[in-house]
Amino acid sequence: MRKKTMKQIIPIITLILSLAMTSCQTDLELNDVIDQKSPFSFTIRTVDLETGLSSNETEEIKVNSEKWIKLVNFVKNNLNGWQSSPASHIGDIYVSQGDFRLIYTKSANGVVIAFTDKKGNPEQYIKGIDQGELDFLTE
């Protein structure tokens, strides 16, 4: 019997990991995640480079404002392909509404959402996105 080389094993491992990641993906129902009739709370966390201290600036994203519409459209366009994430996540941008939270780091290529499902269970998911896709939140 012939030994398999790493060049032969890597594609097999890649296929197995791809199948595992795909099977772990979750699709979300928009109305289970956000209330399309309510405003969002928007918080930016900044760190003072001299002191190392962080501060938060919070504002409301009003219903039907430009940011609100873009945010709802982002959620509508990203209901598929989420992966469960039990890890804690820190970002510099937080959007919340009731039990819903979106965590994002400006110019990152991923986003985290967390919410309580209809049964009262906490859920948290991550998804890769295009870098800068949510930067409209700070414009």
Protein backbone atom coordinates (compact mmCIF):
# COMPACT_ATOMS: atom_id res chain seq x y z
CA MET A 1 0.00 0.00 0.00
CA ARG A 2 1.30 3.44 -0.99
CA LYS A 3 1.63 6.32 1.53
CA LYS A 4 -0.40 9.42 0.77
CA THR A 5 1.56 12.64 0.52
CA MET A 6 0.47 15.95 2.04
CA LYS A 7 -0.40 17.21 -1.45
CA GLN A 8 -2.93 14.39 -1.72
CA ILE A 9 -4.32 14.78 1.81
CA ILE A 10 -4.81 18.58 1.83
CA PRO A 11 -7.62 18.58 -0.80
CA ILE A 12 -9.42 15.86 1.15
CA ILE A 13 -9.13 17.80 4.42
CA THR A 14 -10.27 21.00 2.65
CA LEU A 15 -13.33 19.20 1.26
CA ILE A 16 -14.25 17.77 4.67
CA LEU A 17 -13.89 21.18 6.36
CA SER A 18 -15.94 22.87 3.62
CA LEU A 19 -18.73 20.34 4.01
CA ALA A 20 -18.66 20.70 7.78
CA MET A 21 -18.82 24.50 7.59
CA THR A 22 -21.62 24.44 5.03
CA SER A 23 -23.68 22.03 7.07
CA CYS A 24 -23.31 24.30 10.13
CA GLN A 25 -24.72 27.33 8.34
CA THR A 26 -28.04 28.76 9.44
CA ASP A 27 -30.63 30.79 7.59
CA LEU A 28 -32.52 33.41 9.59
CA GLU A 29 -36.08 34.71 9.43
CA LEU A 30 -36.07 38.53 9.29
CA ASN A 31 -39.01 39.01 11.64
CA ASP A 32 -37.37 36.71 14.20
CA VAL A 33 -34.30 38.96 14.24
CA ILE A 34 -35.51 42.58 14.01
CA ASP A 35 -38.66 44.64 14.38
CA GLN A 36 -39.15 46.53 11.12
CA LYS A 37 -41.27 49.16 12.88
CA SER A 38 -38.81 50.18 15.63
CA PRO A 39 -35.68 52.34 15.78
CA PHE A 40 -32.21 50.99 16.54
CA SER A 41 -29.74 52.18 19.15
CA PHE A 42 -26.31 52.81 17.63
CA THR A 43 -23.14 52.94 19.75
CA ILE A 44 -19.58 53.67 18.64
CA ARG A 45 -16.81 52.64 21.01
CA THR A 46 -13.60 54.62 20.69
CA VAL A 47 -10.29 54.21 22.49
CA ASP A 48 -8.11 57.18 23.43
CA LEU A 49 -4.64 56.27 22.15
CA GLU A 50 -2.89 58.29 24.85
CA THR A 51 -4.77 56.96 27.89
CA GLY A 52 -6.02 53.63 26.56
CA LEU A 53 -9.46 54.44 27.97
CA SER A 54 -12.55 53.72 25.90
CA SER A 55 -15.69 55.80 25.60
CA ASN A 56 -19.05 55.27 23.97
CA GLU A 57 -21.16 57.59 21.89
CA THR A 58 -24.76 56.50 21.39
CA GLU A 59 -27.48 57.74 19.07
CA GLU A 60 -30.82 56.53 17.79
CA ILE A 61 -31.26 55.33 14.22
CA LYS A 62 -34.78 56.53 13.51
CA VAL A 63 -37.27 54.42 11.58
CA ASN A 64 -37.11 55.08 7.83
CA SER A 65 -33.96 57.23 8.12
CA GLU A 66 -31.25 56.57 5.53
CA LYS A 67 -29.14 54.51 7.99
CA TRP A 68 -32.22 52.59 9.18
CA ILE A 69 -33.18 51.66 5.61
CA LYS A 70 -29.61 50.59 4.77
CA LEU A 71 -29.40 48.52 7.96
CA VAL A 72 -32.73 46.77 7.37
CA ASN A 73 -31.68 46.11 3.76
CA PHE A 74 -28.38 44.67 4.99
CA VAL A 75 -30.27 42.25 7.25
CA LYS A 76 -32.76 41.38 4.46
CA ASN A 77 -29.88 40.67 2.06
CA ASN A 78 -27.94 38.60 4.59
CA LEU A 79 -30.40 36.08 5.99
CA ASN A 80 -28.46 33.07 4.70
CA GLY A 81 -25.11 31.55 5.58
CA TRP A 82 -24.77 32.47 9.27
CA GLN A 83 -22.69 30.23 11.53
CA SER A 84 -23.31 29.72 15.22
CA SER A 85 -20.70 31.34 17.44
CA PRO A 86 -20.46 30.67 21.17
CA ALA A 87 -17.44 33.00 21.54
CA SER A 88 -17.56 36.50 23.01
CA HIS A 89 -17.07 39.25 20.43
CA ILE A 90 -15.91 42.83 20.83
CA GLY A 91 -16.31 45.46 18.15
CA ASP A 92 -16.25 49.19 17.84
CA ILE A 93 -19.79 49.50 16.48
CA TYR A 94 -22.88 48.12 18.22
CA VAL A 95 -26.42 48.28 16.90
CA SER A 96 -29.23 47.08 19.13
CA GLN A 97 -32.98 46.83 19.21
CA GLY A 98 -34.66 44.98 22.06
CA ASP A 99 -32.86 41.62 22.35
CA PHE A 100 -31.12 42.06 18.96
CA ARG A 101 -27.44 43.10 18.80
CA LEU A 102 -25.17 43.57 15.81
CA ILE A 103 -21.43 43.81 16.55
CA TYR A 104 -19.08 45.15 13.89
CA THR A 105 -15.56 46.50 13.63
CA LYS A 106 -15.18 49.26 11.06
CA SER A 107 -13.69 47.98 7.79
CA ALA A 108 -13.81 44.37 9.00
CA ASN A 109 -14.87 41.46 6.82
CA GLY A 110 -17.21 39.89 9.33
CA VAL A 111 -20.19 40.72 11.51
CA VAL A 112 -21.81 39.19 14.58
CA ILE A 113 -25.50 39.18 15.44
CA ALA A 114 -27.10 38.02 18.65
CA PHE A 115 -30.75 37.82 19.63
CA THR A 116 -33.22 35.85 21.69
CA ASP A 117 -35.25 33.36 19.63
CA LYS A 118 -39.02 32.81 19.92
CA LYS A 119 -38.44 30.16 22.60
CA GLY A 120 -36.41 32.59 24.73
CA ASN A 121 -33.05 31.01 23.89
CA PRO A 122 -30.04 33.27 23.25
CA GLU A 123 -28.59 32.87 19.75
CA GLN A 124 -25.36 34.29 18.34
CA TYR A 125 -24.08 34.01 14.76
CA ILE A 126 -21.19 35.24 12.66
CA LYS A 127 -20.94 35.83 8.94
CA GLY A 128 -18.27 36.97 6.54
CA ILE A 129 -19.15 40.11 4.62
CA ASP A 130 -17.38 42.39 2.16
CA GLN A 131 -14.89 44.66 3.89
CA GLY A 132 -16.51 48.01 4.58
CA GLU A 133 -20.04 46.76 3.84
CA LEU A 134 -21.38 48.24 7.07
CA ASP A 135 -19.22 51.37 7.09
CA PHE A 136 -22.32 53.41 6.15
CA LEU A 137 -23.15 53.27 9.87
CA THR A 138 -20.39 55.77 10.62
CA GLU A 139 -20.85 58.05 7.61
